[in-house]
Protein backbone atom coordinates (compact mmCIF):
# COMPACT_ATOMS: atom_id res chain seq x y z
CA MET A 1 118.72 78.42 65.28
CA ASN A 2 120.26 80.83 67.58
CA LEU A 3 120.89 79.34 70.90
CA ASN A 4 121.37 82.73 72.65
CA LYS A 5 118.19 84.00 71.41
CA ILE A 6 116.30 81.00 72.89
CA LYS A 7 118.08 81.31 76.20
CA LYS A 8 117.23 84.95 76.55
CA ASN A 9 113.60 84.27 75.68
CA SER A 10 113.26 81.41 78.14
CA THR A 11 114.84 83.25 80.87
CA TYR A 12 112.64 86.31 80.23
CA GLU A 13 109.56 83.87 80.40
CA ILE A 14 110.70 82.31 83.55
CA LYS A 15 111.24 85.73 85.26
CA ASP A 16 107.85 87.04 84.14
CA LYS A 17 106.20 83.92 85.55
CA LEU A 18 108.12 84.34 88.85
CA LYS A 19 107.08 87.96 88.97
CA LYS A 20 103.37 86.98 88.50
CA SER A 21 103.39 84.20 90.96
CA LYS A 22 105.11 86.52 93.60
CA PHE A 23 102.47 89.22 92.92
CA ASP A 24 99.69 86.68 93.42
CA ILE A 25 101.21 85.57 96.79
CA LEU A 26 101.44 89.14 98.06
CA THR A 27 97.82 89.76 97.02
CA ASN A 28 96.57 86.82 98.75
CA GLU A 29 98.51 87.73 101.79
CA ASN A 30 97.16 91.16 101.73
CA ASP A 31 93.56 89.83 101.32
CA PHE A 32 94.01 87.58 104.31
CA LEU A 33 95.44 90.42 106.55
CA VAL A 34 92.60 92.75 105.47
CA LYS A 35 89.96 90.12 106.48
CA ASN A 36 91.60 89.59 109.80
CA LEU A 37 91.69 93.37 110.36
CA LYS A 38 87.97 93.58 109.55
CA LYS A 39 87.13 90.85 111.92
CA ALA A 40 89.21 92.50 114.66
CA GLY A 41 87.71 95.84 114.04
């Protein structure tokens, strides 16, 4: 078993999950802002 290979794969998976979660948070914030703007408008 190659430990470096496993390390790289797990790091990549973690980064990928972080990107997805950050994107989800941004999407939720944008939805919230749009809803508030529509209410105000």
